[in-house]
Protein backbone atom coordinates (compact mmCIF):
# COMPACT_ATOMS: atom_id res chain seq x y z
CA MET A 1 -36.26 -3.04 1.35
CA ARG A 2 -36.30 -5.81 4.19
CA ILE A 3 -37.04 -5.30 7.71
CA GLN A 4 -36.36 -7.84 10.42
CA VAL A 5 -37.88 -7.39 13.77
CA VAL A 6 -35.99 -9.91 16.06
CA ASP A 7 -38.11 -12.44 18.03
CA HIS A 8 -36.80 -13.29 21.48
CA PRO A 9 -37.53 -13.23 24.64
CA LEU A 10 -34.16 -11.42 25.97
CA VAL A 11 -34.44 -8.79 23.12
CA ALA A 12 -38.28 -7.80 24.36
CA HIS A 13 -36.60 -8.16 27.90
CA LYS A 14 -33.90 -5.54 27.46
CA LEU A 15 -35.74 -3.37 25.32
CA THR A 16 -38.04 -3.12 27.91
CA ALA A 17 -35.97 -1.89 30.38
CA LEU A 18 -34.18 0.62 27.92
CA ARG A 19 -37.69 2.11 27.59
CA ASP A 20 -38.40 2.94 31.30
CA GLN A 21 -38.05 6.24 32.26
CA GLU A 22 -36.61 5.66 35.66
CA THR A 23 -33.56 3.87 33.59
CA ASP A 24 -30.10 5.75 34.17
CA SER A 25 -27.70 6.42 31.36
CA PRO A 26 -24.76 4.05 33.09
CA THR A 27 -27.57 1.43 32.89
CA PHE A 28 -28.92 2.34 29.27
CA ARG A 29 -25.89 2.07 27.78
CA ARG A 30 -25.29 -1.19 29.27
CA LEU A 31 -28.34 -2.01 27.96
CA THR A 32 -27.73 -0.92 24.55
CA ASP A 33 -24.51 -2.43 24.30
CA GLU A 34 -26.05 -6.36 24.86
CA LEU A 35 -28.88 -5.62 23.02
CA VAL A 36 -27.29 -4.55 20.08
CA THR A 37 -25.14 -7.73 20.04
CA LEU A 38 -27.92 -10.09 20.11
CA LEU A 39 -29.77 -7.90 17.16
CA ALA A 40 -25.87 -8.33 15.34
CA TYR A 41 -26.30 -11.90 15.45
CA GLU A 42 -29.21 -11.83 13.59
CA ALA A 43 -28.09 -8.67 11.09
CA THR A 44 -24.45 -11.03 9.99
CA ARG A 45 -26.10 -13.31 9.17
CA ASP A 46 -25.59 -13.43 5.39
CA VAL A 47 -22.12 -11.56 6.09
CA ARG A 48 -19.19 -12.91 3.76
CA VAL A 49 -17.12 -15.78 4.01
CA GLY A 50 -14.67 -17.92 2.33
CA PRO A 51 -13.15 -21.26 2.94
CA VAL A 52 -9.98 -21.88 5.04
CA GLU A 53 -8.23 -25.18 5.48
CA ILE A 54 -7.03 -25.45 9.29
CA HIS A 55 -5.41 -28.14 11.16
CA THR A 56 -7.61 -29.68 14.26
CA PRO A 57 -5.54 -31.75 16.88
CA VAL A 58 -6.91 -34.42 15.48
CA SER A 59 -7.00 -33.85 11.66
CA LEU A 60 -7.46 -31.17 8.76
CA THR A 61 -10.41 -29.89 7.75
CA THR A 62 -11.88 -26.79 6.28
CA GLY A 63 -13.95 -24.12 7.90
CA VAL A 64 -14.60 -20.66 6.90
CA LYS A 65 -13.18 -17.00 7.24
CA MET A 66 -14.17 -13.69 7.10
CA ALA A 67 -13.90 -12.48 3.50
CA THR A 68 -12.00 -9.83 1.94
CA PRO A 69 -12.68 -6.78 1.70
CA ARG A 70 -13.79 -6.76 5.41
CA PRO A 71 -17.10 -5.81 6.28
CA LEU A 72 -17.26 -2.03 7.21
CA VAL A 73 -19.52 -0.61 10.28
CA VAL A 74 -20.76 2.73 10.55
CA PRO A 75 -22.18 4.29 13.52
CA ILE A 76 -24.04 7.94 12.69
CA LEU A 77 -23.14 10.52 14.94
CA ARG A 78 -23.22 10.91 18.15
CA ALA A 79 -26.23 8.35 19.27
CA GLY A 80 -24.58 5.80 16.82
CA LEU A 81 -21.62 5.39 19.40
CA GLY A 82 -23.54 3.91 21.89
CA MET A 83 -24.13 0.76 19.89
CA LEU A 84 -20.24 0.53 18.28
CA GLU A 85 -18.78 -1.95 21.45
CA GLY A 86 -21.69 -4.25 21.33
CA MET A 87 -21.20 -4.41 17.27
CA MET A 88 -17.60 -4.90 17.26
CA ARG A 89 -17.87 -7.44 19.92
CA LEU A 90 -19.30 -10.23 17.31
CA LEU A 91 -17.43 -8.71 14.48
CA PRO A 92 -13.95 -7.85 16.00
CA THR A 93 -12.08 -8.04 12.65
CA ALA A 94 -14.14 -5.34 10.81
CA GLU A 95 -13.38 -2.07 10.27
CA VAL A 96 -14.98 1.48 11.59
CA GLY A 97 -15.99 4.34 9.68
CA PHE A 98 -17.93 7.36 11.08
CA LEU A 99 -21.06 9.65 9.75
CA GLY A 100 -22.20 12.58 11.47
CA MET A 101 -25.46 14.18 9.58
CA GLU A 102 -27.99 16.71 10.93
CA ARG A 103 -31.17 17.64 9.48
CA ASN A 104 -31.68 21.59 8.59
CA GLU A 105 -35.06 22.71 10.59
CA GLU A 106 -35.25 25.07 7.93
CA THR A 107 -35.14 23.25 5.05
CA LEU A 108 -35.46 19.61 6.55
CA GLU A 109 -32.50 18.67 4.21
CA VAL A 110 -30.21 16.58 5.77
CA ALA A 111 -26.72 17.78 5.73
CA THR A 112 -23.14 15.45 6.27
CA TYR A 113 -21.02 17.43 8.66
CA ALA A 114 -18.13 14.69 9.18
CA GLU A 115 -17.44 11.70 7.54
CA ARG A 116 -14.19 9.16 8.58
CA LEU A 117 -14.91 6.52 5.24
CA PRO A 118 -12.92 5.03 2.88
CA ASP A 119 -13.33 6.61 -0.91
CA ASP A 120 -13.73 3.58 -2.57
CA LEU A 121 -16.87 0.76 -0.49
CA SER A 122 -16.59 -1.17 -3.60
CA GLY A 123 -17.74 -4.93 -2.46
CA ARG A 124 -18.18 -3.49 0.96
CA GLN A 125 -20.66 -4.93 3.08
CA CYS A 126 -21.84 -1.99 5.54
CA TYR A 127 -23.69 -2.73 8.88
CA VAL A 128 -25.11 1.21 10.05
CA LEU A 129 -25.59 2.00 13.70
CA ASP A 130 -28.52 4.35 14.21
CA PRO A 131 -30.96 4.12 17.66
CA MET A 132 -34.08 5.25 16.34
CA LEU A 133 -35.99 4.88 13.03
CA ALA A 134 -37.84 7.47 13.20
CA THR A 135 -38.74 9.59 10.55
CA GLY A 136 -36.29 7.91 8.16
CA GLY A 137 -34.51 10.99 6.43
CA THR A 138 -31.26 10.45 8.36
CA LEU A 139 -30.93 7.12 7.84
CA ALA A 140 -32.23 6.95 3.99
CA ALA A 141 -29.05 9.56 3.49
CA ALA A 142 -26.68 7.61 5.12
CA ILE A 143 -27.68 4.59 2.90
CA LYS A 144 -27.48 6.67 -0.12
CA PHE A 145 -23.95 8.46 0.98
CA LEU A 146 -22.36 4.85 1.04
CA THR A 147 -23.96 3.50 -2.12
CA ASP A 148 -23.23 6.34 -3.87
CA ARG A 149 -19.24 5.24 -2.55
CA GLY A 150 -20.14 2.04 -3.92
CA ALA A 151 -21.12 -0.13 -0.92
CA ASP A 152 -23.28 -3.18 -2.38
CA ASP A 153 -25.01 -4.25 0.66
CA ILE A 154 -26.33 -2.02 3.34
CA THR A 155 -27.68 -3.52 6.96
CA ALA A 156 -28.99 -0.84 9.35
CA LEU A 157 -29.12 -1.88 13.09
CA CYS A 158 -31.88 0.05 14.92
CA LEU A 159 -33.34 -0.52 18.60
CA LEU A 160 -36.29 1.00 17.34
CA VAL A 161 -38.59 1.86 14.43
CA ALA A 162 -41.14 3.67 13.49
CA PRO A 163 -43.99 2.62 10.49
CA GLU A 164 -43.67 6.23 8.86
CA GLY A 165 -39.62 5.93 8.91
CA CYS A 166 -39.77 2.77 7.33
CA ALA A 167 -42.38 4.18 5.22
CA ARG A 168 -39.71 6.81 3.53
CA LEU A 169 -36.93 4.26 3.64
CA GLU A 170 -38.82 2.07 1.33
CA ARG A 171 -40.14 5.31 -0.93
CA GLU A 172 -36.25 7.25 -1.00
CA LEU A 173 -34.43 4.13 -2.00
CA SER A 174 -36.97 2.23 -3.98
CA ASP A 175 -34.61 2.74 -7.25
CA LEU A 176 -31.00 1.76 -5.28
CA GLU A 177 -30.43 -1.69 -7.16
CA VAL A 178 -28.28 -2.85 -3.50
CA PRO A 179 -30.21 -4.78 -1.32
CA VAL A 180 -30.56 -2.96 2.11
CA ALA A 181 -32.26 -4.66 5.45
CA VAL A 182 -33.02 -3.06 8.35
CA VAL A 183 -33.10 -5.40 11.59
CA THR A 184 -34.68 -4.33 14.82
CA ALA A 185 -35.79 -5.09 18.41
CA ALA A 186 -39.47 -3.83 17.70
CA MET A 187 -41.92 -1.71 15.56
CA ASP A 188 -43.31 0.78 17.36
CA GLU A 189 -46.77 2.20 16.99
CA LYS A 190 -46.46 5.41 15.27
CA LEU A 191 -44.43 8.68 15.43
CA ASN A 192 -46.01 11.82 17.71
CA GLU A 193 -46.31 15.28 16.52
CA LYS A 194 -42.79 16.14 17.51
CA GLY A 195 -41.40 13.16 15.51
CA TYR A 196 -40.54 11.16 18.61
CA ILE A 197 -41.51 7.62 18.49
CA VAL A 198 -44.54 6.33 20.68
CA PRO A 199 -44.34 4.15 23.09
CA GLY A 200 -40.64 4.45 22.39
CA LEU A 201 -37.51 5.56 24.44
CA GLY A 202 -37.17 9.19 24.52
CA ASP A 203 -34.03 10.39 22.79
CA ALA A 204 -31.35 8.32 22.55
CA GLY A 205 -28.61 9.87 22.22
CA ASP A 206 -29.61 11.97 25.50
CA ARG A 207 -30.24 9.05 27.51
CA LEU A 208 -26.99 7.38 26.36
CA TYR A 209 -24.62 10.72 27.14
CA GLY A 210 -26.71 13.07 29.06
CA LEU A 211 -28.15 16.06 27.26
CA ALA A 212 -25.00 18.19 26.44
CA GLY A 213 -23.53 17.86 22.80
């Protein structure tokens, strides 16, 4: 598994504003949108393309276009929805699927409560959107869900990651023969006793959409 922390002053600038507890929800949503587009630029560096011949106003030339099957963007509900528009700005021809997952607080097992995805993902590159890689359980389950359907290349975009979550992903996905990458704006210090990333930015879903839901 590859973890890439995007080192760019604009990424750091927008992330600092996201962390600030004084940043209101409308501003938080806008900054998330902008930050995801910057992360997506790096995350899609290996997106599959094929050659195409075109006519410029001057001559015939060969360029590239998105290969088929088209990549699939998969936000994890609900907070991942706040990252979707920023991703689609860079990949407007990609398809979009949705995955809802939650952890049972008693068993700690991750269960899927909603999904809207093709049954067969053979040959598909998938981009998973999940703002916070904290304990890693949800993202690991999502990646396994997609690879079980045939996805052969997975890149997760996360605003922040914690070392504990990355270590868990490494352990739980060690047997996968599918390339997995995580692209993020920062690797934070640790998780606290409640499982929140420190210094983090709080609960991304609540800061995007409020406390309801």
